[in-house]
N, C-alpha and C. Protein backbone atom coordinates (compact mmCIF):
# COMPACT_ATOMS: atom_id res chain seq x y z
N MET A 1 3.38 -15.49 -8.36
CA MET A 1 2.10 -14.64 -8.95
C MET A 1 2.04 -13.50 -8.53
N PHE A 2 1.98 -11.77 -9.12
CA PHE A 2 2.28 -10.84 -8.23
C PHE A 2 0.37 -10.46 -8.30
N GLY A 3 0.20 -9.85 -6.98
CA GLY A 3 -1.60 -8.94 -6.68
C GLY A 3 -1.27 -7.40 -6.70
N TYR A 4 -1.97 -6.80 -7.12
CA TYR A 4 -2.09 -5.55 -6.82
C TYR A 4 -3.15 -4.76 -6.32
N VAL A 5 -3.47 -4.28 -5.04
CA VAL A 5 -4.16 -3.29 -4.28
C VAL A 5 -3.83 -1.64 -4.74
N ILE A 6 -4.89 -1.32 -5.11
CA ILE A 6 -5.08 0.03 -5.46
C ILE A 6 -5.99 0.97 -5.13
N LEU A 7 -5.54 1.97 -3.92
CA LEU A 7 -6.63 2.93 -3.15
C LEU A 7 -7.11 3.78 -3.76
N HIS A 8 -8.28 3.86 -4.12
CA HIS A 8 -8.80 4.93 -5.04
C HIS A 8 -9.74 5.72 -4.17
N TYR A 9 -9.43 7.17 -4.56
CA TYR A 9 -10.28 7.90 -4.10
C TYR A 9 -11.07 9.26 -4.74
N GLN A 10 -12.09 9.33 -5.30
CA GLN A 10 -13.03 10.11 -6.56
C GLN A 10 -12.06 10.17 -7.78
N SER A 11 -10.47 10.39 -8.16
CA SER A 11 -10.77 10.33 -9.50
C SER A 11 -10.51 9.44 -10.36
N ILE A 12 -11.50 8.86 -11.24
CA ILE A 12 -11.87 7.76 -12.26
C ILE A 12 -11.13 7.50 -12.88
N GLU A 13 -10.53 8.70 -13.64
CA GLU A 13 -9.26 8.98 -14.96
C GLU A 13 -8.39 8.44 -14.11
N ILE A 14 -7.48 8.86 -13.31
CA ILE A 14 -6.46 8.54 -13.10
C ILE A 14 -5.96 6.79 -12.04
N THR A 15 -7.22 6.54 -12.04
CA THR A 15 -7.63 4.60 -11.41
C THR A 15 -7.27 4.39 -12.68
N LYS A 16 -8.55 4.41 -13.28
CA LYS A 16 -8.32 3.64 -15.30
C LYS A 16 -7.13 3.56 -15.43
N LYS A 17 -6.61 5.46 -15.67
CA LYS A 17 -5.06 4.44 -16.40
C LYS A 17 -3.80 3.57 -15.75
N CYS A 18 -4.23 3.77 -14.07
CA CYS A 18 -3.31 3.08 -13.44
C CYS A 18 -3.46 1.41 -13.75
N VAL A 19 -5.12 0.93 -13.59
CA VAL A 19 -5.10 -0.06 -14.48
C VAL A 19 -5.41 -0.60 -15.35
N ASP A 20 -5.17 0.15 -16.51
CA ASP A 20 -5.08 -0.14 -17.93
C ASP A 20 -3.58 -0.39 -18.02
N LYS A 21 -2.34 0.01 -17.00
CA LYS A 21 -1.05 -0.17 -17.54
C LYS A 21 -0.91 -1.31 -16.80
N LEU A 22 -1.22 -1.79 -15.68
CA LEU A 22 -1.43 -2.60 -15.43
C LEU A 22 -1.92 -4.15 -16.33
N LEU A 23 -2.61 -3.79 -17.08
CA LEU A 23 -3.49 -4.95 -17.66
C LEU A 23 -2.60 -4.83 -18.95
N MET A 24 -2.13 -4.11 -19.26
CA MET A 24 -1.06 -4.04 -20.27
C MET A 24 0.06 -5.68 -20.15
N PHE A 25 0.63 -5.46 -18.90
CA PHE A 25 1.29 -6.43 -18.85
C PHE A 25 0.89 -7.66 -18.39
N SER A 26 -0.37 -7.90 -17.58
CA SER A 26 -1.06 -9.13 -17.35
C SER A 26 -2.33 -8.79 -17.42
N LYS A 27 -3.54 -9.78 -17.56
CA LYS A 27 -4.87 -9.66 -18.46
C LYS A 27 -5.12 -10.39 -16.74
N THR A 28 -4.48 -11.63 -16.29
CA THR A 28 -4.46 -12.54 -15.20
C THR A 28 -4.36 -12.32 -13.65
N ASN A 29 -3.78 -11.61 -13.77
CA ASN A 29 -2.96 -10.59 -12.28
C ASN A 29 -4.11 -9.78 -11.64
N PRO A 30 -4.43 -10.80 -10.00
CA PRO A 30 -5.33 -9.87 -9.53
C PRO A 30 -5.65 -8.63 -9.10
N ILE A 31 -6.38 -7.56 -9.14
CA ILE A 31 -6.55 -6.07 -8.99
C ILE A 31 -7.40 -6.31 -7.82
N VAL A 32 -7.50 -5.39 -7.10
CA VAL A 32 -8.39 -5.51 -6.15
C VAL A 32 -8.09 -3.57 -5.93
N ILE A 33 -9.41 -3.12 -6.36
CA ILE A 33 -9.61 -1.58 -5.82
C ILE A 33 -10.18 -1.46 -4.79
N VAL A 34 -9.71 -0.19 -4.05
CA VAL A 34 -9.88 -0.35 -2.72
C VAL A 34 -11.05 1.70 -2.97
N ASP A 35 -11.93 1.72 -3.43
CA ASP A 35 -12.91 2.91 -3.19
C ASP A 35 -13.02 3.25 -1.80
N ASN A 36 -12.44 4.42 -1.16
CA ASN A 36 -11.98 5.03 0.37
C ASN A 36 -13.21 6.46 0.58
N CYS A 37 -14.56 5.87 0.33
CA CYS A 37 -15.46 6.56 0.23
C CYS A 37 -15.68 7.86 -0.37
N SER A 38 -15.34 7.68 -1.48
CA SER A 38 -15.65 8.64 -2.54
C SER A 38 -16.85 9.16 -2.76
N PRO A 39 -17.30 10.59 -1.90
CA PRO A 39 -18.07 11.15 -1.89
C PRO A 39 -18.87 11.28 -3.59
N ASN A 40 -18.16 11.31 -4.94
CA ASN A 40 -18.65 11.73 -6.21
C ASN A 40 -19.26 10.44 -6.84
N GLY A 41 -18.94 9.13 -6.09
CA GLY A 41 -19.73 8.02 -6.73
C GLY A 41 -18.89 7.02 -7.98
N SER A 42 -17.72 7.69 -7.20
CA SER A 42 -17.14 6.86 -8.65
C SER A 42 -16.35 5.22 -8.20
N GLY A 43 -16.84 5.02 -6.95
CA GLY A 43 -16.49 4.20 -6.33
C GLY A 43 -17.44 2.84 -7.64
N LYS A 44 -18.78 3.60 -7.46
CA LYS A 44 -19.68 2.26 -8.12
C LYS A 44 -19.41 2.60 -9.37
N GLN A 45 -18.83 3.81 -9.83
CA GLN A 45 -18.80 3.53 -11.27
C GLN A 45 -17.83 2.86 -11.99
N LEU A 46 -16.50 2.35 -11.39
CA LEU A 46 -15.68 1.34 -11.61
C LEU A 46 -16.13 0.10 -10.87
N GLU A 47 -16.75 -0.03 -10.11
CA GLU A 47 -17.48 -0.95 -9.91
C GLU A 47 -18.16 -1.38 -10.98
N LYS A 48 -18.72 -0.68 -11.81
CA LYS A 48 -19.84 -1.11 -12.92
C LYS A 48 -18.59 -1.21 -14.14
N MET A 49 -17.78 -0.67 -14.51
CA MET A 49 -16.52 -0.85 -15.09
C MET A 49 -15.75 -1.71 -15.22
N TYR A 50 -15.88 -2.57 -14.16
CA TYR A 50 -14.85 -3.74 -14.13
C TYR A 50 -15.97 -4.60 -13.72
N SER A 51 -16.69 -4.60 -13.65
CA SER A 51 -18.32 -5.91 -13.23
C SER A 51 -17.28 -7.21 -14.68
N LYS A 52 -17.09 -7.36 -15.17
CA LYS A 52 -17.14 -7.96 -16.45
C LYS A 52 -15.41 -8.65 -16.18
N CYS A 53 -15.05 -8.13 -15.60
CA CYS A 53 -13.12 -8.54 -15.52
C CYS A 53 -13.05 -9.74 -13.97
N THR A 54 -12.87 -10.80 -14.48
CA THR A 54 -12.94 -11.66 -13.16
C THR A 54 -11.74 -11.38 -12.60
N ASN A 55 -10.44 -10.80 -12.94
CA ASN A 55 -9.29 -10.46 -11.87
C ASN A 55 -9.15 -9.13 -11.25
N ILE A 56 -10.44 -8.26 -11.35
CA ILE A 56 -10.47 -7.33 -11.05
C ILE A 56 -11.88 -7.00 -9.75
N THR A 57 -11.73 -6.68 -8.73
CA THR A 57 -12.51 -6.60 -7.91
C THR A 57 -12.73 -5.00 -6.76
N VAL A 58 -13.60 -4.71 -7.13
CA VAL A 58 -13.77 -3.50 -6.35
C VAL A 58 -14.34 -3.33 -4.99
N ILE A 59 -13.79 -2.74 -3.74
CA ILE A 59 -14.41 -2.97 -3.09
C ILE A 59 -14.88 -1.80 -2.27
N ILE A 60 -15.83 -1.50 -1.79
CA ILE A 60 -16.34 0.20 -1.87
C ILE A 60 -16.55 -0.21 -0.08
N ASN A 61 -16.01 1.12 0.40
CA ASN A 61 -15.35 1.61 1.79
C ASN A 61 -16.47 2.15 1.93
N GLU A 62 -17.18 1.98 3.34
CA GLU A 62 -19.00 2.88 3.59
C GLU A 62 -17.85 4.22 4.39
N GLU A 63 -16.30 4.29 4.47
CA GLU A 63 -16.27 5.53 5.21
C GLU A 63 -14.47 5.23 5.06
N ASN A 64 -14.19 6.62 4.94
CA ASN A 64 -13.25 7.06 4.40
C ASN A 64 -12.05 6.72 5.69
N GLN A 65 -11.12 5.23 5.87
CA GLN A 65 -10.34 5.27 6.93
C GLN A 65 -8.76 5.57 6.69
N GLY A 66 -8.68 6.34 5.71
CA GLY A 66 -7.23 7.17 5.82
C GLY A 66 -6.71 5.97 4.53
N PHE A 67 -5.70 6.41 4.95
CA PHE A 67 -4.55 5.42 3.45
C PHE A 67 -4.02 4.12 4.33
N ALA A 68 -3.59 4.14 5.31
CA ALA A 68 -3.40 2.59 6.21
C ALA A 68 -4.26 1.08 5.95
N LYS A 69 -5.29 2.08 6.55
CA LYS A 69 -6.60 1.36 6.68
C LYS A 69 -7.17 0.92 5.48
N GLY A 70 -7.76 1.78 4.63
CA GLY A 70 -7.97 1.54 3.10
C GLY A 70 -7.06 0.29 2.26
N ASN A 71 -5.59 0.61 2.23
CA ASN A 71 -4.65 -0.29 2.01
C ASN A 71 -4.81 -1.06 2.36
N ASN A 72 -5.15 -1.64 3.71
CA ASN A 72 -4.96 -2.81 4.78
C ASN A 72 -6.53 -3.44 4.62
N LEU A 73 -7.41 -2.88 4.20
CA LEU A 73 -8.27 -3.75 3.91
C LEU A 73 -8.18 -4.51 2.50
N GLY A 74 -7.65 -3.64 1.50
CA GLY A 74 -7.40 -4.25 -0.02
C GLY A 74 -6.39 -5.84 0.29
N TYR A 75 -5.52 -5.59 1.23
CA TYR A 75 -4.50 -6.86 1.08
C TYR A 75 -4.99 -7.81 1.93
N GLN A 76 -5.72 -7.67 3.22
CA GLN A 76 -6.81 -8.66 3.62
C GLN A 76 -7.32 -9.34 2.51
N TYR A 77 -7.81 -8.67 1.99
CA TYR A 77 -9.06 -9.47 0.76
C TYR A 77 -8.25 -10.14 0.17
N ILE A 78 -7.04 -9.37 -0.66
CA ILE A 78 -6.74 -10.19 -1.48
C ILE A 78 -5.14 -11.91 -1.08
N LYS A 79 -4.57 -11.21 -0.07
CA LYS A 79 -4.09 -12.52 0.56
C LYS A 79 -5.36 -13.58 1.18
N ARG A 80 -6.55 -13.16 1.30
CA ARG A 80 -7.67 -14.42 1.37
C ARG A 80 -8.32 -14.93 0.42
N LYS A 81 -8.15 -14.17 -0.54
CA LYS A 81 -8.85 -14.82 -1.81
C LYS A 81 -7.82 -15.41 -2.90
N TYR A 82 -6.60 -14.88 -2.96
CA TYR A 82 -5.33 -15.41 -3.95
C TYR A 82 -4.24 -16.47 -3.00
N SER A 83 -3.46 -17.06 -3.64
CA SER A 83 -2.39 -17.61 -3.20
C SER A 83 -1.64 -16.41 -4.02
N LEU A 84 -0.60 -15.96 -3.43
CA LEU A 84 0.45 -14.85 -4.44
C LEU A 84 1.81 -14.97 -3.60
N SER A 85 2.82 -14.89 -4.73
CA SER A 85 4.19 -14.61 -4.00
C SER A 85 4.19 -13.16 -3.34
N TYR A 86 3.58 -12.08 -4.43
CA TYR A 86 4.16 -10.85 -4.09
C TYR A 86 2.61 -9.92 -4.17
N VAL A 87 2.51 -8.77 -3.62
CA VAL A 87 1.31 -8.08 -2.91
C VAL A 87 2.30 -6.47 -3.39
N VAL A 88 1.07 -5.95 -4.45
CA VAL A 88 1.90 -4.58 -4.38
C VAL A 88 1.21 -3.66 -4.14
N VAL A 89 1.52 -2.72 -2.84
CA VAL A 89 0.22 -1.65 -2.77
C VAL A 89 0.08 -0.67 -2.95
N MET A 90 -0.50 -0.11 -3.90
CA MET A 90 -0.06 1.44 -4.16
C MET A 90 -1.28 2.12 -4.51
N ASN A 91 -1.15 3.61 -4.19
CA ASN A 91 -2.46 4.68 -4.85
C ASN A 91 -2.59 4.73 -6.21
N ASN A 92 -3.39 5.54 -6.66
CA ASN A 92 -4.10 5.03 -8.11
C ASN A 92 -3.70 6.17 -9.27
N ASP A 93 -2.31 6.91 -8.68
CA ASP A 93 -1.61 7.85 -9.33
C ASP A 93 -0.17 6.84 -9.50
N ILE A 94 -0.04 5.69 -9.33
CA ILE A 94 1.10 5.31 -9.23
C ILE A 94 0.87 4.11 -11.47
N MET A 95 2.09 5.07 -11.86
CA MET A 95 2.08 3.95 -13.29
C MET A 95 3.03 3.25 -13.41
N ILE A 96 3.08 2.10 -13.46
CA ILE A 96 4.42 1.09 -13.74
C ILE A 96 4.78 0.95 -15.14
N GLU A 97 6.11 1.49 -15.15
CA GLU A 97 6.25 1.45 -16.76
C GLU A 97 7.22 0.54 -17.44
N ASN A 98 7.68 -0.39 -16.25
CA ASN A 98 8.58 -1.29 -16.96
C ASN A 98 7.68 -2.59 -17.66
N ASN A 99 8.24 -2.94 -18.54
CA ASN A 99 6.93 -4.39 -19.27
C ASN A 99 7.37 -5.47 -17.76
N ASP A 100 9.25 -5.80 -18.10
CA ASP A 100 9.34 -6.93 -16.34
C ASP A 100 9.82 -6.29 -15.03
N PHE A 101 8.26 -5.24 -14.58
CA PHE A 101 8.25 -5.38 -13.65
C PHE A 101 8.52 -5.92 -12.69
N ASP A 102 7.07 -7.09 -12.98
CA ASP A 102 7.80 -8.37 -11.78
C ASP A 102 8.41 -9.05 -11.69
N VAL A 103 9.71 -9.04 -13.08
CA VAL A 103 10.89 -9.66 -12.77
C VAL A 103 12.17 -8.97 -11.85
N ILE A 104 11.82 -7.66 -12.50
CA ILE A 104 12.59 -6.83 -11.64
C ILE A 104 12.89 -6.96 -10.17
N ILE A 105 11.41 -6.56 -9.61
CA ILE A 105 10.65 -7.10 -7.99
C ILE A 105 11.35 -8.76 -7.59
N GLU A 106 11.18 -9.86 -8.15
CA GLU A 106 10.94 -10.97 -7.74
C GLU A 106 12.76 -11.00 -8.32
N GLN A 107 13.74 -10.09 -8.62
CA GLN A 107 15.43 -10.60 -8.41
C GLN A 107 15.74 -10.04 -7.00
N PHE A 108 15.18 -9.01 -7.19
CA PHE A 108 15.89 -7.83 -6.27
C PHE A 108 15.32 -8.51 -4.72
N MET A 109 14.10 -9.06 -4.32
CA MET A 109 13.89 -9.60 -3.78
C MET A 109 14.24 -11.09 -3.07
N GLU A 110 15.05 -11.88 -4.02
CA GLU A 110 15.72 -13.12 -4.03
C GLU A 110 17.32 -12.95 -3.46
N LYS A 111 17.82 -12.03 -4.52
CA LYS A 111 19.19 -11.18 -4.23
C LYS A 111 18.81 -10.75 -2.86
N ASN A 112 18.47 -10.02 -2.18
CA ASN A 112 18.63 -9.47 -1.37
C ASN A 112 18.24 -9.85 0.13
N GLY A 113 17.38 -10.92 -0.05
CA GLY A 113 16.80 -11.79 0.76
C GLY A 113 16.00 -10.83 2.12
N VAL A 114 14.95 -9.63 1.40
CA VAL A 114 13.83 -8.79 1.85
C VAL A 114 12.87 -9.44 2.01
N ASP A 115 11.63 -9.24 2.84
CA ASP A 115 9.93 -9.87 2.52
C ASP A 115 9.47 -8.68 2.17
N VAL A 116 9.41 -7.31 2.26
CA VAL A 116 9.00 -5.72 1.91
C VAL A 116 10.05 -4.99 1.51
N CYS A 117 9.59 -4.27 0.53
CA CYS A 117 10.40 -3.24 -0.41
C CYS A 117 9.41 -2.16 -0.56
N GLY A 118 10.27 -1.29 -0.65
CA GLY A 118 9.36 -0.06 -1.29
C GLY A 118 10.01 0.84 -3.01
N PRO A 119 9.49 1.44 -3.35
CA PRO A 119 9.95 2.25 -4.68
C PRO A 119 10.39 3.45 -3.91
N ASP A 120 11.50 3.81 -4.82
CA ASP A 120 11.57 5.18 -5.11
C ASP A 120 11.22 5.63 -6.08
N MET A 121 10.53 6.55 -5.27
CA MET A 121 9.46 7.36 -6.01
C MET A 121 10.21 8.88 -6.67
N VAL A 122 10.11 8.95 -7.74
CA VAL A 122 10.80 9.94 -8.79
C VAL A 122 9.52 10.88 -9.23
N THR A 123 9.47 11.97 -8.93
CA THR A 123 8.63 12.82 -10.02
C THR A 123 8.89 13.35 -11.17
N LEU A 124 8.41 13.82 -12.10
CA LEU A 124 8.61 14.26 -13.33
C LEU A 124 9.46 15.10 -13.65
N LYS A 125 9.68 15.74 -12.90
CA LYS A 125 10.86 16.86 -12.44
C LYS A 125 12.10 16.18 -12.03
N GLY A 126 12.21 14.69 -12.05
CA GLY A 126 13.28 14.29 -11.44
C GLY A 126 13.70 13.88 -10.16
N ASN A 127 12.96 14.68 -9.38
CA ASN A 127 13.06 14.80 -7.76
C ASN A 127 12.72 13.26 -6.87
N HIS A 128 13.45 12.62 -5.79
CA HIS A 128 12.84 11.35 -5.53
C HIS A 128 12.28 12.31 -4.10
N GLN A 129 10.78 11.48 -4.05
CA GLN A 129 10.13 11.99 -3.33
C GLN A 129 10.16 11.30 -1.88
N ASN A 130 11.11 9.79 -1.86
CA ASN A 130 11.65 9.23 -0.75
C ASN A 130 13.08 9.03 -0.44
N PRO A 131 13.77 9.42 0.50
CA PRO A 131 14.96 8.77 0.96
C PRO A 131 15.29 7.11 0.29
N LEU A 132 16.23 7.00 -0.37
CA LEU A 132 16.47 5.54 -0.80
C LEU A 132 16.87 4.33 -0.25
N GLN A 133 16.73 3.66 0.32
CA GLN A 133 17.39 2.87 1.44
C GLN A 133 18.17 1.96 0.66
N LEU A 134 19.33 2.23 1.07
CA LEU A 134 20.91 1.50 -0.14
C LEU A 134 20.89 0.22 0.83
N LYS A 135 20.79 -0.23 1.84
CA LYS A 135 20.89 -1.35 1.90
C LYS A 135 19.26 -2.19 2.71
N PRO A 136 18.99 -2.98 1.86
CA PRO A 136 17.71 -3.11 2.33
C PRO A 136 17.30 -3.76 3.96
N TYR A 137 16.08 -3.77 4.63
CA TYR A 137 15.73 -3.87 5.84
C TYR A 137 15.81 -5.40 5.71
N THR A 138 16.45 -6.07 6.67
CA THR A 138 16.23 -7.63 7.09
C THR A 138 14.86 -7.81 7.75
N SER A 139 14.18 -9.65 7.53
CA SER A 139 13.39 -9.55 8.25
C SER A 139 13.26 -9.36 9.69
N LYS A 140 14.78 -10.31 10.39
CA LYS A 140 14.95 -9.90 11.87
C LYS A 140 15.39 -8.16 12.05
N TYR A 141 15.82 -7.60 11.51
CA TYR A 141 15.27 -5.96 12.07
C TYR A 141 13.97 -5.71 12.07
N LEU A 142 13.69 -5.57 10.53
CA LEU A 142 11.69 -5.72 11.18
C LEU A 142 11.42 -6.30 12.44
N GLN A 143 11.31 -7.09 12.46
CA GLN A 143 10.56 -7.95 13.64
C GLN A 143 11.14 -7.49 15.02
N ARG A 144 11.94 -6.96 14.66
CA ARG A 144 12.85 -6.38 16.21
C ARG A 144 11.64 -5.08 16.07
N ARG A 145 11.69 -4.08 15.24
CA ARG A 145 11.16 -2.55 15.02
C ARG A 145 9.84 -3.35 15.34
N VAL A 146 9.00 -4.21 14.86
CA VAL A 146 7.83 -4.28 15.36
C VAL A 146 7.59 -4.53 16.46
N ARG A 147 8.45 -4.84 17.39
CA ARG A 147 8.54 -5.32 18.93
C ARG A 147 8.90 -4.13 19.72
N GLU A 148 9.47 -3.38 19.39
CA GLU A 148 9.94 -1.80 19.76
C GLU A 148 8.87 -1.11 19.79
N ASP A 149 7.89 -1.04 18.73
CA ASP A 149 6.77 -0.58 18.21
C ASP A 149 5.70 -0.82 19.32
N LYS A 150 5.74 -1.89 19.35
CA LYS A 150 4.59 -2.39 20.32
C LYS A 150 4.86 -1.64 21.90
N ILE A 151 6.14 -2.24 22.03
CA ILE A 151 6.19 -1.81 23.52
C ILE A 151 6.11 -0.35 23.84
N LYS A 152 6.84 0.59 22.51
CA LYS A 152 6.07 1.81 22.81
C LYS A 152 4.70 2.18 22.61
N VAL A 153 3.61 1.84 21.74
CA VAL A 153 2.05 1.51 21.96
C VAL A 153 1.73 1.29 23.18
N LEU A 154 1.99 0.21 23.89
CA LEU A 154 2.25 0.04 25.32
C LEU A 154 1.87 0.85 26.15
N LEU A 155 3.31 1.61 26.18
CA LEU A 155 3.65 2.40 27.15
C LEU A 155 2.62 3.79 26.43
N LEU A 156 2.35 4.05 25.62
CA LEU A 156 1.49 5.20 25.67
C LEU A 156 0.61 5.27 26.17
N ARG A 157 -0.22 4.02 26.45
CA ARG A 157 -1.73 3.65 27.28
C ARG A 157 -1.60 3.59 28.34
N THR A 158 -0.19 3.69 29.01
CA THR A 158 -0.48 3.97 30.65
C THR A 158 -1.07 5.30 31.26
N ARG A 159 -1.03 5.26 32.07
CA ARG A 159 -1.14 6.84 33.22
C ARG A 159 0.42 7.44 33.16
N LEU A 160 0.94 6.63 33.66
CA LEU A 160 2.45 6.37 34.23
C LEU A 160 3.03 7.11 33.00
N PHE A 161 3.14 7.12 32.01
CA PHE A 161 3.61 7.64 31.01
C PHE A 161 3.65 9.14 30.48
N TRP A 162 2.12 9.08 30.91
CA TRP A 162 1.39 10.42 30.62
C TRP A 162 2.15 11.01 31.77
N LYS A 163 1.63 10.80 32.63
CA LYS A 163 2.16 11.84 33.77
C LYS A 163 3.64 12.22 34.03
N LEU A 164 4.29 11.48 33.32
CA LEU A 164 6.05 11.97 33.40
C LEU A 164 5.84 12.38 32.25
N TYR A 165 5.34 12.43 31.33
CA TYR A 165 5.39 13.53 30.02
C TYR A 165 4.83 14.67 30.04
N GLU A 166 4.08 15.37 30.99
CA GLU A 166 3.46 16.16 31.73
C GLU A 166 4.45 17.08 32.33
N ASN A 167 4.84 16.42 33.33
CA ASN A 167 5.69 17.05 34.25
C ASN A 167 7.22 17.07 33.34
N TYR A 168 7.53 16.28 32.39
CA TYR A 168 8.58 16.84 31.48
C TYR A 168 8.21 18.08 30.82
N LYS A 169 7.04 18.17 30.31
CA LYS A 169 6.86 19.33 29.38
C LYS A 169 7.14 20.97 30.38
N LYS A 170 6.03 20.37 31.63
CA LYS A 170 6.13 21.63 32.58
C LYS A 170 8.03 22.11 32.67
N THR A 171 8.80 21.24 32.55
CA THR A 171 9.83 21.97 33.17
C THR A 171 11.08 21.89 32.13
N HIS A 172 10.93 21.51 31.00
CA HIS A 172 11.37 21.89 29.60
C HIS A 172 10.64 22.51 28.50
N LYS A 173 10.32 23.91 28.87
CA LYS A 173 9.09 24.52 27.84
C LYS A 173 9.96 25.00 26.63
């Protein structure tokens, strides 16, 4: 089963269109809308609008934590509450057009043996907004990258790194 996390900020019309598209495909898949502290009160409006929908939850973030933390808040909630095969994390301006979106994703994931994938985002003018990864990343590759990134973060927290960096900056203007 698929679940959806939608990051919302201010534009209630766009978020409503996104949710309406998802509801066209399935009335039962869980949808979590994370309002990232919209100053116009649109999060509360969404909460009221979807209060009778048992599969839609609106989380109102008390502060705008940015893209990643806002999405993580919704992702953590949906993973705790539901037993899902897939979670789609998306901005409110993403419109899924294919009725068989879930089938396409499931087949792709199984065929390529991947755990995480991202879209090839194309503008209305046909421009690709992100480079298309032709060969999917494997779980092993992603685990190695996570380990490497953790090491980098640890290095950034050391005084020695910053001392070396300062010396480098002085000699390499």
